[in-house]
């Protein structure tokens, strides 16, 4: 990662396990990722006010490829009430 690269959220998972699955998908296609959460891992078994949400982050140079991969492997995300990302998430 160079000095101008930054991490960008590409998916907001409801649980740590879901985030780990997305991370594994990305990394199996050569896209390194990291996870960020508001709570310590495995503390919350369910989401309450976003406490268990985990953000899957990738380098800004790989955002488009990561999002395309996630959507292609999870077609129900397009119609879900819990989309993987929104335009507001990019700011």
Foldseek 3Di string as FASTA:
>chain_A
DDPPKDKAFQFKDFAPVVLVVLQVQCVVVPFHWDKDAQDDHPPDPGADVRRRIITIIGIPVCNVVSNVSVCVVPVCLVVDPGHGDDPVRGD
